[in-house]
Amino acid sequence: MKRIILPLLLFLTLLAVGCGGPSAGPEPTATAEEARGEVLPLDETRWELDSILGAPIVPETALTIRFVNNY
């Protein structure tokens, strides 16, 4: 009889723990845009690349991107 009761108790305990429902989990974090606040427009701006992964680009080169309205 003891051989049946102990495994049955163990099974029921594990079953009860598994049916506890979802955990609270971490709070959702803000997106990058929400963290910064207002989204800034890129129209009429110019960006210049000066390094890639911390390494400088080839000397005497200019890699740029320019955002123009309607393009």
PDB file of N, CA and C in Angstrom:
ATOM      1  N   MET A   1       0.808  -1.183   0.000  1.00  0.00           N
ATOM      2  CA  MET A   1       0.000   0.000   0.000  1.00  0.00           C
ATOM      3  C   MET A   1       0.867   1.269   0.000  1.00  0.00           C
ATOM      4  N   LYS A   2       1.985   1.249   0.777  1.00  0.00           N
ATOM      5  CA  LYS A   2       2.879   2.393   0.816  1.00  0.00           C
ATOM      6  C   LYS A   2       3.531   2.630  -0.544  1.00  0.00           C
ATOM      7  N   ARG A   3       3.722   1.561  -1.319  1.00  0.00           N
ATOM      8  CA  ARG A   3       4.335   1.693  -2.640  1.00  0.00           C
ATOM      9  C   ARG A   3       3.432   2.465  -3.599  1.00  0.00           C
ATOM     10  N   ILE A   4       2.166   2.487  -3.341  1.00  0.00           N
ATOM     11  CA  ILE A   4       1.216   3.181  -4.219  1.00  0.00           C
ATOM     12  C   ILE A   4       0.973   4.608  -3.740  1.00  0.00           C
ATOM     13  N   ILE A   5       0.910   4.822  -2.427  1.00  0.00           N
ATOM     14  CA  ILE A   5       0.565   6.130  -1.881  1.00  0.00           C
ATOM     15  C   ILE A   5       1.659   7.159  -2.140  1.00  0.00           C
ATOM     16  N   LEU A   6       2.917   6.837  -1.918  1.00  0.00           N
ATOM     17  CA  LEU A   6       4.006   7.793  -2.100  1.00  0.00           C
ATOM     18  C   LEU A   6       4.119   8.249  -3.563  1.00  0.00           C
ATOM     19  N   PRO A   7       4.169   7.341  -4.549  1.00  0.00           N
ATOM     20  CA  PRO A   7       4.213   7.815  -5.937  1.00  0.00           C
ATOM     21  C   PRO A   7       2.951   8.605  -6.329  1.00  0.00           C
ATOM     22  N   LEU A   8       1.794   8.210  -5.795  1.00  0.00           N
ATOM     23  CA  LEU A   8       0.560   8.924  -6.088  1.00  0.00           C
ATOM     24  C   LEU A   8       0.609  10.340  -5.516  1.00  0.00           C
ATOM     25  N   LEU A   9       1.102  10.476  -4.293  1.00  0.00           N
ATOM     26  CA  LEU A   9       1.257  11.810  -3.697  1.00  0.00           C
ATOM     27  C   LEU A   9       2.243  12.669  -4.486  1.00  0.00           C
ATOM     28  N   LEU A  10       3.343  12.075  -4.893  1.00  0.00           N
ATOM     29  CA  LEU A  10       4.332  12.792  -5.688  1.00  0.00           C
ATOM     30  C   LEU A  10       3.727  13.246  -7.013  1.00  0.00           C
ATOM     31  N   PHE A  11       2.997  12.369  -7.672  1.00  0.00           N
ATOM     32  CA  PHE A  11       2.356  12.707  -8.943  1.00  0.00           C
ATOM     33  C   PHE A  11       1.349  13.846  -8.772  1.00  0.00           C
ATOM     34  N   LEU A  12       0.523  13.770  -7.740  1.00  0.00           N
ATOM     35  CA  LEU A  12      -0.487  14.804  -7.498  1.00  0.00           C
ATOM     36  C   LEU A  12       0.162  16.146  -7.155  1.00  0.00           C
ATOM     37  N   THR A  13       1.256  16.114  -6.408  1.00  0.00           N
ATOM     38  CA  THR A  13       1.978  17.344  -6.078  1.00  0.00           C
ATOM     39  C   THR A  13       2.536  17.988  -7.334  1.00  0.00           C
ATOM     40  N   LEU A  14       3.170  17.192  -8.181  1.00  0.00           N
ATOM     41  CA  LEU A  14       3.719  17.732  -9.426  1.00  0.00           C
ATOM     42  C   LEU A  14       2.621  18.254 -10.343  1.00  0.00           C
ATOM     43  N   LEU A  15       1.508  17.564 -10.365  1.00  0.00           N
ATOM     44  CA  LEU A  15       0.376  18.002 -11.165  1.00  0.00           C
ATOM     45  C   LEU A  15      -0.154  19.340 -10.671  1.00  0.00           C
ATOM     46  N   ALA A  16      -0.267  19.497  -9.362  1.00  0.00           N
ATOM     47  CA  ALA A  16      -0.763  20.747  -8.786  1.00  0.00           C
ATOM     48  C   ALA A  16       0.198  21.905  -9.057  1.00  0.00           C
ATOM     49  N   VAL A  17       1.495  21.652  -8.972  1.00  0.00           N
ATOM     50  CA  VAL A  17       2.488  22.697  -9.238  1.00  0.00           C
ATOM     51  C   VAL A  17       2.453  23.090 -10.708  1.00  0.00           C
ATOM     52  N   GLY A  18       2.293  22.131 -11.590  1.00  0.00           N
ATOM     53  CA  GLY A  18       2.249  22.417 -13.022  1.00  0.00           C
ATOM     54  C   GLY A  18       1.011  23.166 -13.450  1.00  0.00           C
ATOM     55  N   CYS A  19      -0.049  23.083 -12.678  1.00  0.00           N
ATOM     56  CA  CYS A  19      -1.304  23.768 -13.015  1.00  0.00           C
ATOM     57  C   CYS A  19      -1.422  25.109 -12.318  1.00  0.00           C
ATOM     58  N   GLY A  20      -0.331  25.668 -11.887  1.00  0.00           N
ATOM     59  CA  GLY A  20      -0.351  26.922 -11.147  1.00  0.00           C
ATOM     60  C   GLY A  20      -0.676  28.134 -11.996  1.00  0.00           C
ATOM     61  N   GLY A  21      -0.711  28.009 -13.302  1.00  0.00           N
ATOM     62  CA  GLY A  21      -0.994  29.143 -14.166  1.00  0.00           C
ATOM     63  C   GLY A  21       0.273  29.868 -14.570  1.00  0.00           C
ATOM     64  N   PRO A  22       0.126  30.860 -15.417  1.00  0.00           N
ATOM     65  CA  PRO A  22       1.309  31.585 -15.881  1.00  0.00           C
ATOM     66  C   PRO A  22       1.918  32.434 -14.774  1.00  0.00           C
ATOM     67  N   SER A  23       3.223  32.588 -14.835  1.00  0.00           N
ATOM     68  CA  SER A  23       3.893  33.439 -13.859  1.00  0.00           C
ATOM     69  C   SER A  23       3.755  34.891 -14.287  1.00  0.00           C
ATOM     70  N   ALA A  24       4.019  35.801 -13.374  1.00  0.00           N
ATOM     71  CA  ALA A  24       3.869  37.233 -13.651  1.00  0.00           C
ATOM     72  C   ALA A  24       4.838  37.672 -14.741  1.00  0.00           C
ATOM     73  N   GLY A  25       6.055  37.221 -14.711  1.00  0.00           N
ATOM     74  CA  GLY A  25       7.043  37.588 -15.724  1.00  0.00           C
ATOM     75  C   GLY A  25       7.478  39.035 -15.596  1.00  0.00           C
ATOM     76  N   PRO A  26       8.495  39.419 -16.366  1.00  0.00           N
ATOM     77  CA  PRO A  26       9.003  40.787 -16.292  1.00  0.00           C
ATOM     78  C   PRO A  26       8.027  41.774 -16.947  1.00  0.00           C
ATOM     79  N   GLU A  27       8.113  43.015 -16.525  1.00  0.00           N
ATOM     80  CA  GLU A  27       7.304  44.073 -17.120  1.00  0.00           C
ATOM     81  C   GLU A  27       7.803  44.351 -18.537  1.00  0.00           C
ATOM     82  N   PRO A  28       6.916  44.664 -19.474  1.00  0.00           N
ATOM     83  CA  PRO A  28       7.376  44.979 -20.831  1.00  0.00           C
ATOM     84  C   PRO A  28       8.192  46.274 -20.827  1.00  0.00           C
ATOM     85  N   THR A  29       9.222  46.290 -21.643  1.00  0.00           N
ATOM     86  CA  THR A  29      10.073  47.476 -21.723  1.00  0.00           C
ATOM     87  C   THR A  29       9.622  48.362 -22.877  1.00  0.00           C
ATOM     88  N   ALA A  30       9.960  49.618 -22.805  1.00  0.00           N
ATOM     89  CA  ALA A  30       9.588  50.577 -23.843  1.00  0.00           C
ATOM     90  C   ALA A  30      10.416  50.337 -25.094  1.00  0.00           C
ATOM     91  N   THR A  31       9.824  50.615 -26.248  1.00  0.00           N
ATOM     92  CA  THR A  31      10.578  50.535 -27.489  1.00  0.00           C
ATOM     93  C   THR A  31      11.570  51.689 -27.538  1.00  0.00           C
ATOM     94  N   ALA A  32      12.496  51.630 -28.468  1.00  0.00           N
ATOM     95  CA  ALA A  32      13.500  52.689 -28.588  1.00  0.00           C
ATOM     96  C   ALA A  32      12.835  54.038 -28.823  1.00  0.00           C
ATOM     97  N   GLU A  33      11.786  54.058 -29.664  1.00  0.00           N
ATOM     98  CA  GLU A  33      11.104  55.319 -29.943  1.00  0.00           C
ATOM     99  C   GLU A  33      10.411  55.853 -28.691  1.00  0.00           C
ATOM    100  N   GLU A  34       9.781  54.978 -27.934  1.00  0.00           N
ATOM    101  CA  GLU A  34       9.105  55.412 -26.710  1.00  0.00           C
ATOM    102  C   GLU A  34      10.115  55.909 -25.689  1.00  0.00           C
ATOM    103  N   ALA A  35      11.269  55.276 -25.627  1.00  0.00           N
ATOM    104  CA  ALA A  35      12.283  55.680 -24.664  1.00  0.00           C
ATOM    105  C   ALA A  35      12.853  57.056 -24.999  1.00  0.00           C
ATOM    106  N   ARG A  36      12.988  57.342 -26.282  1.00  0.00           N
ATOM    107  CA  ARG A  36      13.534  58.639 -26.704  1.00  0.00           C
ATOM    108  C   ARG A  36      12.496  59.741 -26.617  1.00  0.00           C
ATOM    109  N   GLY A  37      11.246  59.391 -26.735  1.00  0.00           N
ATOM    110  CA  GLY A  37      10.204  60.416 -26.741  1.00  0.00           C
ATOM    111  C   GLY A  37       9.745  60.671 -28.163  1.00  0.00           C
ATOM    112  N   GLU A  38       9.788  61.906 -28.570  1.00  0.00           N
ATOM    113  CA  GLU A  38       9.299  62.307 -29.888  1.00  0.00           C
ATOM    114  C   GLU A  38      10.199  61.773 -31.002  1.00  0.00           C
ATOM    115  N   VAL A  39       9.582  61.291 -32.073  1.00  0.00           N
ATOM    116  CA  VAL A  39      10.337  60.809 -33.233  1.00  0.00           C
ATOM    117  C   VAL A  39      10.740  62.015 -34.072  1.00  0.00           C
ATOM    118  N   LEU A  40      12.020  62.123 -34.358  1.00  0.00           N
ATOM    119  CA  LEU A  40      12.525  63.251 -35.132  1.00  0.00           C
ATOM    120  C   LEU A  40      12.514  62.929 -36.623  1.00  0.00           C
ATOM    121  N   PRO A  41      12.083  63.866 -37.455  1.00  0.00           N
ATOM    122  CA  PRO A  41      12.071  63.615 -38.893  1.00  0.00           C
ATOM    123  C   PRO A  41      13.492  63.617 -39.458  1.00  0.00           C
ATOM    124  N   LEU A  42      13.712  62.851 -40.514  1.00  0.00           N
ATOM    125  CA  LEU A  42      15.030  62.799 -41.160  1.00  0.00           C
ATOM    126  C   LEU A  42      15.119  63.726 -42.367  1.00  0.00           C
ATOM    127  N   ASP A  43      13.997  64.341 -42.749  1.00  0.00           N
ATOM    128  CA  ASP A  43      13.995  65.204 -43.924  1.00  0.00           C
ATOM    129  C   ASP A  43      15.065  66.285 -43.813  1.00  0.00           C
ATOM    130  N   GLU A  44      15.779  66.467 -44.912  1.00  0.00           N
ATOM    131  CA  GLU A  44      16.817  67.504 -45.016  1.00  0.00           C
ATOM    132  C   GLU A  44      17.934  67.325 -43.993  1.00  0.00           C
ATOM    133  N   THR A  45      18.291  66.074 -43.700  1.00  0.00           N
ATOM    134  CA  THR A  45      19.433  65.827 -42.817  1.00  0.00           C
ATOM    135  C   THR A  45      20.514  65.073 -43.588  1.00  0.00           C
ATOM    136  N   ARG A  46      21.739  65.178 -43.119  1.00  0.00           N
ATOM    137  CA  ARG A  46      22.888  64.512 -43.754  1.00  0.00           C
ATOM    138  C   ARG A  46      23.652  63.784 -42.662  1.00  0.00           C
ATOM    139  N   TRP A  47      23.979  62.524 -42.911  1.00  0.00           N
ATOM    140  CA  TRP A  47      24.710  61.704 -41.955  1.00  0.00           C
ATOM    141  C   TRP A  47      26.017  61.262 -42.588  1.00  0.00           C
ATOM    142  N   GLU A  48      27.087  61.285 -41.798  1.00  0.00           N
ATOM    143  CA  GLU A  48      28.401  60.866 -42.305  1.00  0.00           C
ATOM    144  C   GLU A  48      28.932  59.735 -41.436  1.00  0.00           C
ATOM    145  N   LEU A  49      29.394  58.664 -42.103  1.00  0.00           N
ATOM    146  CA  LEU A  49      29.950  57.504 -41.400  1.00  0.00           C
ATOM    147  C   LEU A  49      31.402  57.782 -41.069  1.00  0.00           C
ATOM    148  N   ASP A  50      31.763  57.663 -39.786  1.00  0.00           N
ATOM    149  CA  ASP A  50      33.167  57.883 -39.424  1.00  0.00           C
ATOM    150  C   ASP A  50      33.846  56.638 -38.872  1.00  0.00           C
ATOM    151  N   SER A  51      33.051  55.594 -38.521  1.00  0.00           N
ATOM    152  CA  SER A  51      33.656  54.343 -38.070  1.00  0.00           C
ATOM    153  C   SER A  51      32.651  53.216 -38.242  1.00  0.00           C
ATOM    154  N   ILE A  52      33.179  51.992 -38.317  1.00  0.00           N
ATOM    155  CA  ILE A  52      32.350  50.792 -38.388  1.00  0.00           C
ATOM    156  C   ILE A  52      32.790  49.879 -37.259  1.00  0.00           C
ATOM    157  N   LEU A  53      31.884  49.610 -36.337  1.00  0.00           N
ATOM    158  CA  LEU A  53      32.177  48.790 -35.156  1.00  0.00           C
ATOM    159  C   LEU A  53      33.396  49.307 -34.401  1.00  0.00           C
ATOM    160  N   GLY A  54      33.529  50.623 -34.325  1.00  0.00           N
ATOM    161  CA  GLY A  54      34.611  51.239 -33.582  1.00  0.00           C
ATOM    162  C   GLY A  54      35.894  51.432 -34.368  1.00  0.00           C
ATOM    163  N   ALA A  55      36.021  50.822 -35.546  1.00  0.00           N
ATOM    164  CA  ALA A  55      37.223  50.976 -36.366  1.00  0.00           C
ATOM    165  C   ALA A  55      37.002  52.103 -37.369  1.00  0.00           C
ATOM    166  N   PRO A  56      37.990  52.985 -37.533  1.00  0.00           N
ATOM    167  CA  PRO A  56      37.823  54.086 -38.492  1.00  0.00           C
ATOM    168  C   PRO A  56      37.727  53.557 -39.924  1.00  0.00           C
ATOM    169  N   ILE A  57      37.016  54.300 -40.755  1.00  0.00           N
ATOM    170  CA  ILE A  57      36.916  53.908 -42.162  1.00  0.00           C
ATOM    171  C   ILE A  57      38.204  54.296 -42.882  1.00  0.00           C
ATOM    172  N   VAL A  58      38.297  53.972 -44.152  1.00  0.00           N
ATOM    173  CA  VAL A  58      39.496  54.240 -44.947  1.00  0.00           C
ATOM    174  C   VAL A  58      39.779  55.752 -44.939  1.00  0.00           C
ATOM    175  N   PRO A  59      41.025  56.151 -44.650  1.00  0.00           N
ATOM    176  CA  PRO A  59      41.355  57.580 -44.624  1.00  0.00           C
ATOM    177  C   PRO A  59      41.032  58.257 -45.962  1.00  0.00           C
ATOM    178  N   GLU A  60      40.685  59.520 -45.867  1.00  0.00           N
ATOM    179  CA  GLU A  60      40.378  60.366 -47.013  1.00  0.00           C
ATOM    180  C   GLU A  60      39.199  59.844 -47.837  1.00  0.00           C
ATOM    181  N   THR A  61      38.248  59.235 -47.180  1.00  0.00           N
ATOM    182  CA  THR A  61      37.002  58.840 -47.832  1.00  0.00           C
ATOM    183  C   THR A  61      35.849  59.458 -47.054  1.00  0.00           C
ATOM    184  N   ALA A  62      34.766  59.653 -47.743  1.00  0.00           N
ATOM    185  CA  ALA A  62      33.586  60.212 -47.099  1.00  0.00           C
ATOM    186  C   ALA A  62      32.375  59.378 -47.492  1.00  0.00           C
ATOM    187  N   LEU A  63      31.794  58.693 -46.531  1.00  0.00           N
ATOM    188  CA  LEU A  63      30.576  57.937 -46.761  1.00  0.00           C
ATOM    189  C   LEU A  63      29.438  58.705 -46.100  1.00  0.00           C
ATOM    190  N   THR A  64      28.524  59.201 -46.916  1.00  0.00           N
ATOM    191  CA  THR A  64      27.432  60.008 -46.386  1.00  0.00           C
ATOM    192  C   THR A  64      26.098  59.519 -46.925  1.00  0.00           C
ATOM    193  N   ILE A  65      25.050  59.884 -46.213  1.00  0.00           N
ATOM    194  CA  ILE A  65      23.694  59.656 -46.683  1.00  0.00           C
ATOM    195  C   ILE A  65      22.925  60.945 -46.393  1.00  0.00           C
ATOM    196  N   ARG A  66      22.136  61.364 -47.366  1.00  0.00           N
ATOM    197  CA  ARG A  66      21.361  62.589 -47.223  1.00  0.00           C
ATOM    198  C   ARG A  66      19.894  62.275 -47.446  1.00  0.00           C
ATOM    199  N   PHE A  67      19.039  62.708 -46.559  1.00  0.00           N
ATOM    200  CA  PHE A  67      17.607  62.505 -46.663  1.00  0.00           C
ATOM    201  C   PHE A  67      16.984  63.796 -47.179  1.00  0.00           C
ATOM    202  N   VAL A  68      16.289  63.688 -48.319  1.00  0.00           N
ATOM    203  CA  VAL A  68      15.681  64.848 -48.954  1.00  0.00           C
ATOM    204  C   VAL A  68      14.181  64.623 -49.025  1.00  0.00           C
ATOM    205  N   ASN A  69      13.411  65.663 -48.870  1.00  0.00           N
ATOM    206  CA  ASN A  69      11.945  65.569 -48.962  1.00  0.00           C
ATOM    207  C   ASN A  69      11.516  64.977 -50.297  1.00  0.00           C
ATOM    208  N   ASN A  70      10.482  64.121 -50.232  1.00  0.00           N
ATOM    209  CA  ASN A  70       9.821  63.571 -51.419  1.00  0.00           C
ATOM    210  C   ASN A  70      10.673  62.593 -52.213  1.00  0.00           C
ATOM    211  N   TYR A  71      11.730  62.035 -51.638  1.00  0.00           N
ATOM    212  CA  TYR A  71      12.543  61.053 -52.364  1.00  0.00           C
ATOM    213  C   TYR A  71      12.737  59.832 -51.530  1.00  0.00           C
TER     214      TYR A  71
END
